[in-house]
Amino acid sequence: MTAVTTSETREDRIKRLIYRSIYTGTKETDLLLGNFAKRNLDGLDEQLLDEYEALIENSDPDLYMWISRRKPVPEAWNGEIMQRLQDFKIED
């Protein structure tokens, strides 16, 4: 068997992450992550995109509780992206 390699462009990666952020499965998390992603992912460097992508692999309830500051954020996820998410305001 040969290994399949994919080379995803930055633009495609951001589109994928925005889509994933909008359709998390929980309406509250969809709103928080979706709006954040649409407004901020394009401006993140690769390291912060990696951090964001890893963070959104957590469960929706955990993400919502951490972002809304209803539960303490585990040290592993308490980085720059979490701080930006907690500070993010959904406004029109």
PDB file of N, CA and C in Angstrom:
ATOM      1  N   MET A   1       0.834  -1.179   0.000  1.00  0.00           N
ATOM      2  CA  MET A   1       0.000   0.000   0.000  1.00  0.00           C
ATOM      3  C   MET A   1       0.878   1.241   0.000  1.00  0.00           C
ATOM      4  N   THR A   2       0.394   2.254  -0.672  1.00  0.00           N
ATOM      5  CA  THR A   2       1.112   3.515  -0.667  1.00  0.00           C
ATOM      6  C   THR A   2       0.392   4.497   0.240  1.00  0.00           C
ATOM      7  N   ALA A   3       1.164   5.319   0.880  1.00  0.00           N
ATOM      8  CA  ALA A   3       0.583   6.315   1.771  1.00  0.00           C
ATOM      9  C   ALA A   3      -0.030   7.435   0.945  1.00  0.00           C
ATOM     10  N   VAL A   4      -1.168   7.886   1.385  1.00  0.00           N
ATOM     11  CA  VAL A   4      -1.826   9.004   0.723  1.00  0.00           C
ATOM     12  C   VAL A   4      -1.439  10.271   1.462  1.00  0.00           C
ATOM     13  N   THR A   5      -0.919  11.217   0.720  1.00  0.00           N
ATOM     14  CA  THR A   5      -0.581  12.492   1.338  1.00  0.00           C
ATOM     15  C   THR A   5      -1.496  13.561   0.774  1.00  0.00           C
ATOM     16  N   THR A   6      -1.939  14.420   1.638  1.00  0.00           N
ATOM     17  CA  THR A   6      -2.768  15.529   1.197  1.00  0.00           C
ATOM     18  C   THR A   6      -2.054  16.816   1.526  1.00  0.00           C
ATOM     19  N   SER A   7      -2.110  17.715   0.604  1.00  0.00           N
ATOM     20  CA  SER A   7      -1.529  19.021   0.870  1.00  0.00           C
ATOM     21  C   SER A   7      -2.657  20.037   0.837  1.00  0.00           C
ATOM     22  N   GLU A   8      -3.123  20.359   1.998  1.00  0.00           N
ATOM     23  CA  GLU A   8      -4.229  21.290   2.151  1.00  0.00           C
ATOM     24  C   GLU A   8      -3.672  22.703   2.163  1.00  0.00           C
ATOM     25  N   THR A   9      -4.242  23.574   1.367  1.00  0.00           N
ATOM     26  CA  THR A   9      -3.796  24.961   1.377  1.00  0.00           C
ATOM     27  C   THR A   9      -4.276  25.638   2.654  1.00  0.00           C
ATOM     28  N   ARG A  10      -3.657  26.731   2.998  1.00  0.00           N
ATOM     29  CA  ARG A  10      -4.073  27.503   4.170  1.00  0.00           C
ATOM     30  C   ARG A  10      -5.535  27.922   4.018  1.00  0.00           C
ATOM     31  N   GLU A  11      -5.896  28.382   2.836  1.00  0.00           N
ATOM     32  CA  GLU A  11      -7.270  28.817   2.575  1.00  0.00           C
ATOM     33  C   GLU A  11      -8.257  27.676   2.791  1.00  0.00           C
ATOM     34  N   ASP A  12      -7.931  26.489   2.280  1.00  0.00           N
ATOM     35  CA  ASP A  12      -8.806  25.329   2.469  1.00  0.00           C
ATOM     36  C   ASP A  12      -8.871  24.913   3.931  1.00  0.00           C
ATOM     37  N   ARG A  13      -7.760  24.999   4.623  1.00  0.00           N
ATOM     38  CA  ARG A  13      -7.740  24.645   6.038  1.00  0.00           C
ATOM     39  C   ARG A  13      -8.658  25.581   6.819  1.00  0.00           C
ATOM     40  N   ILE A  14      -8.555  26.867   6.554  1.00  0.00           N
ATOM     41  CA  ILE A  14      -9.393  27.834   7.259  1.00  0.00           C
ATOM     42  C   ILE A  14     -10.862  27.596   6.934  1.00  0.00           C
ATOM     43  N   LYS A  15     -11.183  27.330   5.682  1.00  0.00           N
ATOM     44  CA  LYS A  15     -12.568  27.026   5.310  1.00  0.00           C
ATOM     45  C   LYS A  15     -13.068  25.790   6.059  1.00  0.00           C
ATOM     46  N   ARG A  16     -12.236  24.767   6.144  1.00  0.00           N
ATOM     47  CA  ARG A  16     -12.618  23.535   6.844  1.00  0.00           C
ATOM     48  C   ARG A  16     -12.849  23.809   8.330  1.00  0.00           C
ATOM     49  N   LEU A  17     -11.965  24.594   8.934  1.00  0.00           N
ATOM     50  CA  LEU A  17     -12.099  24.900  10.356  1.00  0.00           C
ATOM     51  C   LEU A  17     -13.319  25.778  10.625  1.00  0.00           C
ATOM     52  N   ILE A  18     -13.608  26.701   9.724  1.00  0.00           N
ATOM     53  CA  ILE A  18     -14.812  27.517   9.893  1.00  0.00           C
ATOM     54  C   ILE A  18     -16.044  26.625   9.820  1.00  0.00           C
ATOM     55  N   TYR A  19     -16.098  25.761   8.825  1.00  0.00           N
ATOM     56  CA  TYR A  19     -17.229  24.844   8.692  1.00  0.00           C
ATOM     57  C   TYR A  19     -17.380  23.999   9.947  1.00  0.00           C
ATOM     58  N   ARG A  20     -16.288  23.439  10.403  1.00  0.00           N
ATOM     59  CA  ARG A  20     -16.299  22.588  11.602  1.00  0.00           C
ATOM     60  C   ARG A  20     -16.763  23.377  12.823  1.00  0.00           C
ATOM     61  N   SER A  21     -16.398  24.663  12.874  1.00  0.00           N
ATOM     62  CA  SER A  21     -16.762  25.523  13.999  1.00  0.00           C
ATOM     63  C   SER A  21     -18.239  25.891  13.992  1.00  0.00           C
ATOM     64  N   ILE A  22     -18.806  26.019  12.803  1.00  0.00           N
ATOM     65  CA  ILE A  22     -20.217  26.386  12.679  1.00  0.00           C
ATOM     66  C   ILE A  22     -21.122  25.199  12.980  1.00  0.00           C
ATOM     67  N   TYR A  23     -20.649  23.998  12.673  1.00  0.00           N
ATOM     68  CA  TYR A  23     -21.469  22.794  12.824  1.00  0.00           C
ATOM     69  C   TYR A  23     -20.864  21.841  13.853  1.00  0.00           C
ATOM     70  N   THR A  24     -20.877  22.283  15.109  1.00  0.00           N
ATOM     71  CA  THR A  24     -20.300  21.468  16.176  1.00  0.00           C
ATOM     72  C   THR A  24     -21.285  20.441  16.706  1.00  0.00           C
ATOM     73  N   GLY A  25     -22.559  20.759  16.622  1.00  0.00           N
ATOM     74  CA  GLY A  25     -23.570  19.860  17.157  1.00  0.00           C
ATOM     75  C   GLY A  25     -24.341  20.469  18.305  1.00  0.00           C
ATOM     76  N   THR A  26     -23.832  21.543  18.865  1.00  0.00           N
ATOM     77  CA  THR A  26     -24.506  22.251  19.949  1.00  0.00           C
ATOM     78  C   THR A  26     -24.683  23.697  19.520  1.00  0.00           C
ATOM     79  N   LYS A  27     -25.903  24.192  19.564  1.00  0.00           N
ATOM     80  CA  LYS A  27     -26.197  25.539  19.050  1.00  0.00           C
ATOM     81  C   LYS A  27     -25.336  26.615  19.703  1.00  0.00           C
ATOM     82  N   GLU A  28     -25.188  26.567  21.014  1.00  0.00           N
ATOM     83  CA  GLU A  28     -24.402  27.582  21.714  1.00  0.00           C
ATOM     84  C   GLU A  28     -22.945  27.577  21.249  1.00  0.00           C
ATOM     85  N   THR A  29     -22.398  26.380  21.112  1.00  0.00           N
ATOM     86  CA  THR A  29     -21.008  26.256  20.670  1.00  0.00           C
ATOM     87  C   THR A  29     -20.881  26.644  19.203  1.00  0.00           C
ATOM     88  N   ASP A  30     -21.887  26.305  18.391  1.00  0.00           N
ATOM     89  CA  ASP A  30     -21.897  26.728  16.988  1.00  0.00           C
ATOM     90  C   ASP A  30     -21.773  28.251  16.890  1.00  0.00           C
ATOM     91  N   LEU A  31     -22.566  28.947  17.698  1.00  0.00           N
ATOM     92  CA  LEU A  31     -22.548  30.408  17.656  1.00  0.00           C
ATOM     93  C   LEU A  31     -21.213  30.978  18.100  1.00  0.00           C
ATOM     94  N   LEU A  32     -20.711  30.480  19.210  1.00  0.00           N
ATOM     95  CA  LEU A  32     -19.433  30.985  19.730  1.00  0.00           C
ATOM     96  C   LEU A  32     -18.278  30.700  18.780  1.00  0.00           C
ATOM     97  N   LEU A  33     -18.093  29.426  18.466  1.00  0.00           N
ATOM     98  CA  LEU A  33     -16.952  29.044  17.634  1.00  0.00           C
ATOM     99  C   LEU A  33     -17.111  29.517  16.195  1.00  0.00           C
ATOM    100  N   GLY A  34     -18.335  29.424  15.664  1.00  0.00           N
ATOM    101  CA  GLY A  34     -18.559  29.824  14.284  1.00  0.00           C
ATOM    102  C   GLY A  34     -18.255  31.291  14.047  1.00  0.00           C
ATOM    103  N   ASN A  35     -18.778  32.145  14.911  1.00  0.00           N
ATOM    104  CA  ASN A  35     -18.518  33.574  14.775  1.00  0.00           C
ATOM    105  C   ASN A  35     -17.054  33.908  15.002  1.00  0.00           C
ATOM    106  N   PHE A  36     -16.463  33.279  16.004  1.00  0.00           N
ATOM    107  CA  PHE A  36     -15.033  33.502  16.264  1.00  0.00           C
ATOM    108  C   PHE A  36     -14.214  33.094  15.045  1.00  0.00           C
ATOM    109  N   ALA A  37     -14.486  31.912  14.520  1.00  0.00           N
ATOM    110  CA  ALA A  37     -13.714  31.390  13.395  1.00  0.00           C
ATOM    111  C   ALA A  37     -13.831  32.296  12.172  1.00  0.00           C
ATOM    112  N   LYS A  38     -15.059  32.703  11.845  1.00  0.00           N
ATOM    113  CA  LYS A  38     -15.261  33.548  10.668  1.00  0.00           C
ATOM    114  C   LYS A  38     -14.518  34.872  10.780  1.00  0.00           C
ATOM    115  N   ARG A  39     -14.410  35.402  11.986  1.00  0.00           N
ATOM    116  CA  ARG A  39     -13.794  36.720  12.175  1.00  0.00           C
ATOM    117  C   ARG A  39     -12.296  36.670  12.462  1.00  0.00           C
ATOM    118  N   ASN A  40     -11.786  35.519  12.896  1.00  0.00           N
ATOM    119  CA  ASN A  40     -10.409  35.519  13.401  1.00  0.00           C
ATOM    120  C   ASN A  40      -9.433  34.544  12.764  1.00  0.00           C
ATOM    121  N   LEU A  41      -9.904  33.438  12.216  1.00  0.00           N
ATOM    122  CA  LEU A  41      -8.952  32.410  11.779  1.00  0.00           C
ATOM    123  C   LEU A  41      -7.993  32.893  10.705  1.00  0.00           C
ATOM    124  N   ASP A  42      -8.462  33.721   9.802  1.00  0.00           N
ATOM    125  CA  ASP A  42      -7.596  34.199   8.727  1.00  0.00           C
ATOM    126  C   ASP A  42      -6.382  34.966   9.256  1.00  0.00           C
ATOM    127  N   GLY A  43      -6.522  35.587  10.405  1.00  0.00           N
ATOM    128  CA  GLY A  43      -5.434  36.372  10.977  1.00  0.00           C
ATOM    129  C   GLY A  43      -4.503  35.600  11.894  1.00  0.00           C
ATOM    130  N   LEU A  44      -4.772  34.313  12.115  1.00  0.00           N
ATOM    131  CA  LEU A  44      -3.934  33.519  13.012  1.00  0.00           C
ATOM    132  C   LEU A  44      -2.743  32.940  12.266  1.00  0.00           C
ATOM    133  N   ASP A  45      -1.614  32.829  12.960  1.00  0.00           N
ATOM    134  CA  ASP A  45      -0.467  32.139  12.367  1.00  0.00           C
ATOM    135  C   ASP A  45      -0.686  30.628  12.479  1.00  0.00           C
ATOM    136  N   GLU A  46       0.200  29.871  11.872  1.00  0.00           N
ATOM    137  CA  GLU A  46       0.022  28.409  11.819  1.00  0.00           C
ATOM    138  C   GLU A  46      -0.009  27.777  13.210  1.00  0.00           C
ATOM    139  N   GLN A  47       0.801  28.270  14.114  1.00  0.00           N
ATOM    140  CA  GLN A  47       0.835  27.717  15.471  1.00  0.00           C
ATOM    141  C   GLN A  47      -0.519  27.903  16.165  1.00  0.00           C
ATOM    142  N   LEU A  48      -1.109  29.093  16.022  1.00  0.00           N
ATOM    143  CA  LEU A  48      -2.405  29.331  16.646  1.00  0.00           C
ATOM    144  C   LEU A  48      -3.521  28.569  15.935  1.00  0.00           C
ATOM    145  N   LEU A  49      -3.410  28.396  14.623  1.00  0.00           N
ATOM    146  CA  LEU A  49      -4.379  27.547  13.922  1.00  0.00           C
ATOM    147  C   LEU A  49      -4.304  26.116  14.435  1.00  0.00           C
ATOM    148  N   ASP A  50      -3.085  25.628  14.655  1.00  0.00           N
ATOM    149  CA  ASP A  50      -2.906  24.287  15.216  1.00  0.00           C
ATOM    150  C   ASP A  50      -3.556  24.191  16.592  1.00  0.00           C
ATOM    151  N   GLU A  51      -3.341  25.219  17.415  1.00  0.00           N
ATOM    152  CA  GLU A  51      -3.903  25.239  18.762  1.00  0.00           C
ATOM    153  C   GLU A  51      -5.439  25.247  18.695  1.00  0.00           C
ATOM    154  N   TYR A  52      -5.986  26.050  17.792  1.00  0.00           N
ATOM    155  CA  TYR A  52      -7.438  26.113  17.627  1.00  0.00           C
ATOM    156  C   TYR A  52      -7.992  24.772  17.159  1.00  0.00           C
ATOM    157  N   GLU A  53      -7.340  24.203  16.159  1.00  0.00           N
ATOM    158  CA  GLU A  53      -7.815  22.926  15.616  1.00  0.00           C
ATOM    159  C   GLU A  53      -7.803  21.836  16.678  1.00  0.00           C
ATOM    160  N   ALA A  54      -6.768  21.787  17.491  1.00  0.00           N
ATOM    161  CA  ALA A  54      -6.697  20.786  18.556  1.00  0.00           C
ATOM    162  C   ALA A  54      -7.773  21.051  19.616  1.00  0.00           C
ATOM    163  N   LEU A  55      -7.967  22.308  19.960  1.00  0.00           N
ATOM    164  CA  LEU A  55      -8.937  22.661  20.989  1.00  0.00           C
ATOM    165  C   LEU A  55     -10.348  22.240  20.604  1.00  0.00           C
ATOM    166  N   ILE A  56     -10.738  22.453  19.346  1.00  0.00           N
ATOM    167  CA  ILE A  56     -12.119  22.161  18.971  1.00  0.00           C
ATOM    168  C   ILE A  56     -12.398  20.668  18.842  1.00  0.00           C
ATOM    169  N   GLU A  57     -11.400  19.847  19.058  1.00  0.00           N
ATOM    170  CA  GLU A  57     -11.611  18.397  19.116  1.00  0.00           C
ATOM    171  C   GLU A  57     -12.221  17.973  20.454  1.00  0.00           C
ATOM    172  N   ASN A  58     -12.234  18.883  21.429  1.00  0.00           N
ATOM    173  CA  ASN A  58     -12.853  18.590  22.720  1.00  0.00           C
ATOM    174  C   ASN A  58     -14.370  18.548  22.565  1.00  0.00           C
ATOM    175  N   SER A  59     -15.035  18.014  23.570  1.00  0.00           N
ATOM    176  CA  SER A  59     -16.494  17.913  23.510  1.00  0.00           C
ATOM    177  C   SER A  59     -17.134  19.302  23.556  1.00  0.00           C
ATOM    178  N   ASP A  60     -18.272  19.423  22.889  1.00  0.00           N
ATOM    179  CA  ASP A  60     -18.990  20.694  22.864  1.00  0.00           C
ATOM    180  C   ASP A  60     -19.344  21.192  24.262  1.00  0.00           C
ATOM    181  N   PRO A  61     -19.887  20.342  25.128  1.00  0.00           N
ATOM    182  CA  PRO A  61     -20.203  20.835  26.475  1.00  0.00           C
ATOM    183  C   PRO A  61     -18.977  21.377  27.209  1.00  0.00           C
ATOM    184  N   ASP A  62     -17.853  20.682  27.097  1.00  0.00           N
ATOM    185  CA  ASP A  62     -16.638  21.175  27.752  1.00  0.00           C
ATOM    186  C   ASP A  62     -16.220  22.518  27.170  1.00  0.00           C
ATOM    187  N   LEU A  63     -16.192  22.612  25.851  1.00  0.00           N
ATOM    188  CA  LEU A  63     -15.801  23.868  25.211  1.00  0.00           C
ATOM    189  C   LEU A  63     -16.689  25.013  25.674  1.00  0.00           C
ATOM    190  N   TYR A  64     -17.982  24.786  25.653  1.00  0.00           N
ATOM    191  CA  TYR A  64     -18.909  25.843  26.057  1.00  0.00           C
ATOM    192  C   TYR A  64     -18.667  26.257  27.508  1.00  0.00           C
ATOM    193  N   MET A  65     -18.511  25.305  28.386  1.00  0.00           N
ATOM    194  CA  MET A  65     -18.295  25.617  29.806  1.00  0.00           C
ATOM    195  C   MET A  65     -16.986  26.367  30.028  1.00  0.00           C
ATOM    196  N   TRP A  66     -15.935  25.985  29.308  1.00  0.00           N
ATOM    197  CA  TRP A  66     -14.641  26.669  29.448  1.00  0.00           C
ATOM    198  C   TRP A  66     -14.700  28.078  28.874  1.00  0.00           C
ATOM    199  N   ILE A  67     -15.247  28.210  27.668  1.00  0.00           N
ATOM    200  CA  ILE A  67     -15.281  29.521  27.013  1.00  0.00           C
ATOM    201  C   ILE A  67     -16.152  30.494  27.804  1.00  0.00           C
ATOM    202  N   SER A  68     -17.262  30.005  28.337  1.00  0.00           N
ATOM    203  CA  SER A  68     -18.169  30.861  29.104  1.00  0.00           C
ATOM    204  C   SER A  68     -17.706  31.061  30.549  1.00  0.00           C
ATOM    205  N   ARG A  69     -16.591  30.457  30.892  1.00  0.00           N
ATOM    206  CA  ARG A  69     -15.992  30.572  32.229  1.00  0.00           C
ATOM    207  C   ARG A  69     -16.868  29.963  33.326  1.00  0.00           C
ATOM    208  N   ARG A  70     -17.681  28.987  32.945  1.00  0.00           N
ATOM    209  CA  ARG A  70     -18.516  28.307  33.932  1.00  0.00           C
ATOM    210  C   ARG A  70     -17.782  27.155  34.591  1.00  0.00           C
ATOM    211  N   LYS A  71     -16.698  26.712  33.964  1.00  0.00           N
ATOM    212  CA  LYS A  71     -15.824  25.685  34.528  1.00  0.00           C
ATOM    213  C   LYS A  71     -14.397  26.122  34.268  1.00  0.00           C
ATOM    214  N   PRO A  72     -13.481  25.762  35.167  1.00  0.00           N
ATOM    215  CA  PRO A  72     -12.081  26.105  34.938  1.00  0.00           C
ATOM    216  C   PRO A  72     -11.533  25.389  33.699  1.00  0.00           C
ATOM    217  N   VAL A  73     -10.700  26.082  32.972  1.00  0.00           N
ATOM    218  CA  VAL A  73     -10.083  25.512  31.774  1.00  0.00           C
ATOM    219  C   VAL A  73      -8.900  24.652  32.192  1.00  0.00           C
ATOM    220  N   PRO A  74      -8.847  23.407  31.756  1.00  0.00           N
ATOM    221  CA  PRO A  74      -7.674  22.583  32.061  1.00  0.00           C
ATOM    222  C   PRO A  74      -6.402  23.255  31.521  1.00  0.00           C
ATOM    223  N   GLU A  75      -5.337  23.086  32.243  1.00  0.00           N
ATOM    224  CA  GLU A  75      -4.082  23.742  31.892  1.00  0.00           C
ATOM    225  C   GLU A  75      -3.673  23.494  30.443  1.00  0.00           C
ATOM    226  N   ALA A  76      -3.894  22.293  29.950  1.00  0.00           N
ATOM    227  CA  ALA A  76      -3.498  21.948  28.583  1.00  0.00           C
ATOM    228  C   ALA A  76      -4.200  22.809  27.542  1.00  0.00           C
ATOM    229  N   TRP A  77      -5.379  23.337  27.862  1.00  0.00           N
ATOM    230  CA  TRP A  77      -6.161  24.118  26.897  1.00  0.00           C
ATOM    231  C   TRP A  77      -6.217  25.598  27.237  1.00  0.00           C
ATOM    232  N   ASN A  78      -5.543  25.986  28.305  1.00  0.00           N
ATOM    233  CA  ASN A  78      -5.610  27.368  28.773  1.00  0.00           C
ATOM    234  C   ASN A  78      -4.505  28.209  28.150  1.00  0.00           C
ATOM    235  N   GLY A  79      -4.572  28.360  26.826  1.00  0.00           N
ATOM    236  CA  GLY A  79      -3.558  29.116  26.103  1.00  0.00           C
ATOM    237  C   GLY A  79      -4.141  30.355  25.449  1.00  0.00           C
ATOM    238  N   GLU A  80      -3.423  30.861  24.478  1.00  0.00           N
ATOM    239  CA  GLU A  80      -3.820  32.094  23.808  1.00  0.00           C
ATOM    240  C   GLU A  80      -5.166  31.981  23.105  1.00  0.00           C
ATOM    241  N   ILE A  81      -5.419  30.853  22.458  1.00  0.00           N
ATOM    242  CA  ILE A  81      -6.697  30.686  21.759  1.00  0.00           C
ATOM    243  C   ILE A  81      -7.856  30.696  22.743  1.00  0.00           C
ATOM    244  N   MET A  82      -7.727  30.011  23.860  1.00  0.00           N
ATOM    245  CA  MET A  82      -8.803  30.019  24.855  1.00  0.00           C
ATOM    246  C   MET A  82      -9.028  31.432  25.371  1.00  0.00           C
ATOM    247  N   GLN A  83      -7.964  32.163  25.614  1.00  0.00           N
ATOM    248  CA  GLN A  83      -8.115  33.540  26.084  1.00  0.00           C
ATOM    249  C   GLN A  83      -8.846  34.387  25.054  1.00  0.00           C
ATOM    250  N   ARG A  84      -8.493  34.211  23.790  1.00  0.00           N
ATOM    251  CA  ARG A  84      -9.174  34.965  22.725  1.00  0.00           C
ATOM    252  C   ARG A  84     -10.642  34.572  22.626  1.00  0.00           C
ATOM    253  N   LEU A  85     -10.929  33.286  22.776  1.00  0.00           N
ATOM    254  CA  LEU A  85     -12.327  32.835  22.740  1.00  0.00           C
ATOM    255  C   LEU A  85     -13.115  33.406  23.917  1.00  0.00           C
ATOM    256  N   GLN A  86     -12.520  33.406  25.092  1.00  0.00           N
ATOM    257  CA  GLN A  86     -13.207  33.932  26.265  1.00  0.00           C
ATOM    258  C   GLN A  86     -13.441  35.438  26.152  1.00  0.00           C
ATOM    259  N   ASP A  87     -12.546  36.142  25.499  1.00  0.00           N
ATOM    260  CA  ASP A  87     -12.671  37.592  25.341  1.00  0.00           C
ATOM    261  C   ASP A  87     -13.549  37.987  24.151  1.00  0.00           C
ATOM    262  N   PHE A  88     -13.844  37.026  23.272  1.00  0.00           N
ATOM    263  CA  PHE A  88     -14.593  37.301  22.049  1.00  0.00           C
ATOM    264  C   PHE A  88     -16.041  37.673  22.366  1.00  0.00           C
ATOM    265  N   LYS A  89     -16.513  38.704  21.705  1.00  0.00           N
ATOM    266  CA  LYS A  89     -17.903  39.138  21.869  1.00  0.00           C
ATOM    267  C   LYS A  89     -18.617  38.965  20.538  1.00  0.00           C
ATOM    268  N   ILE A  90     -19.760  38.308  20.552  1.00  0.00           N
ATOM    269  CA  ILE A  90     -20.562  38.149  19.352  1.00  0.00           C
ATOM    270  C   ILE A  90     -21.380  39.425  19.178  1.00  0.00           C
ATOM    271  N   GLU A  91     -21.023  40.168  18.162  1.00  0.00           N
ATOM    272  CA  GLU A  91     -21.719  41.416  17.865  1.00  0.00           C
ATOM    273  C   GLU A  91     -21.976  41.497  16.381  1.00  0.00           C
ATOM    274  N   ASP A  92     -23.016  42.185  15.998  1.00  0.00           N
ATOM    275  CA  ASP A  92     -23.300  42.397  14.575  1.00  0.00           C
ATOM    276  C   ASP A  92     -22.558  43.612  14.062  1.00  0.00           C
TER     277      ASP A  92
END
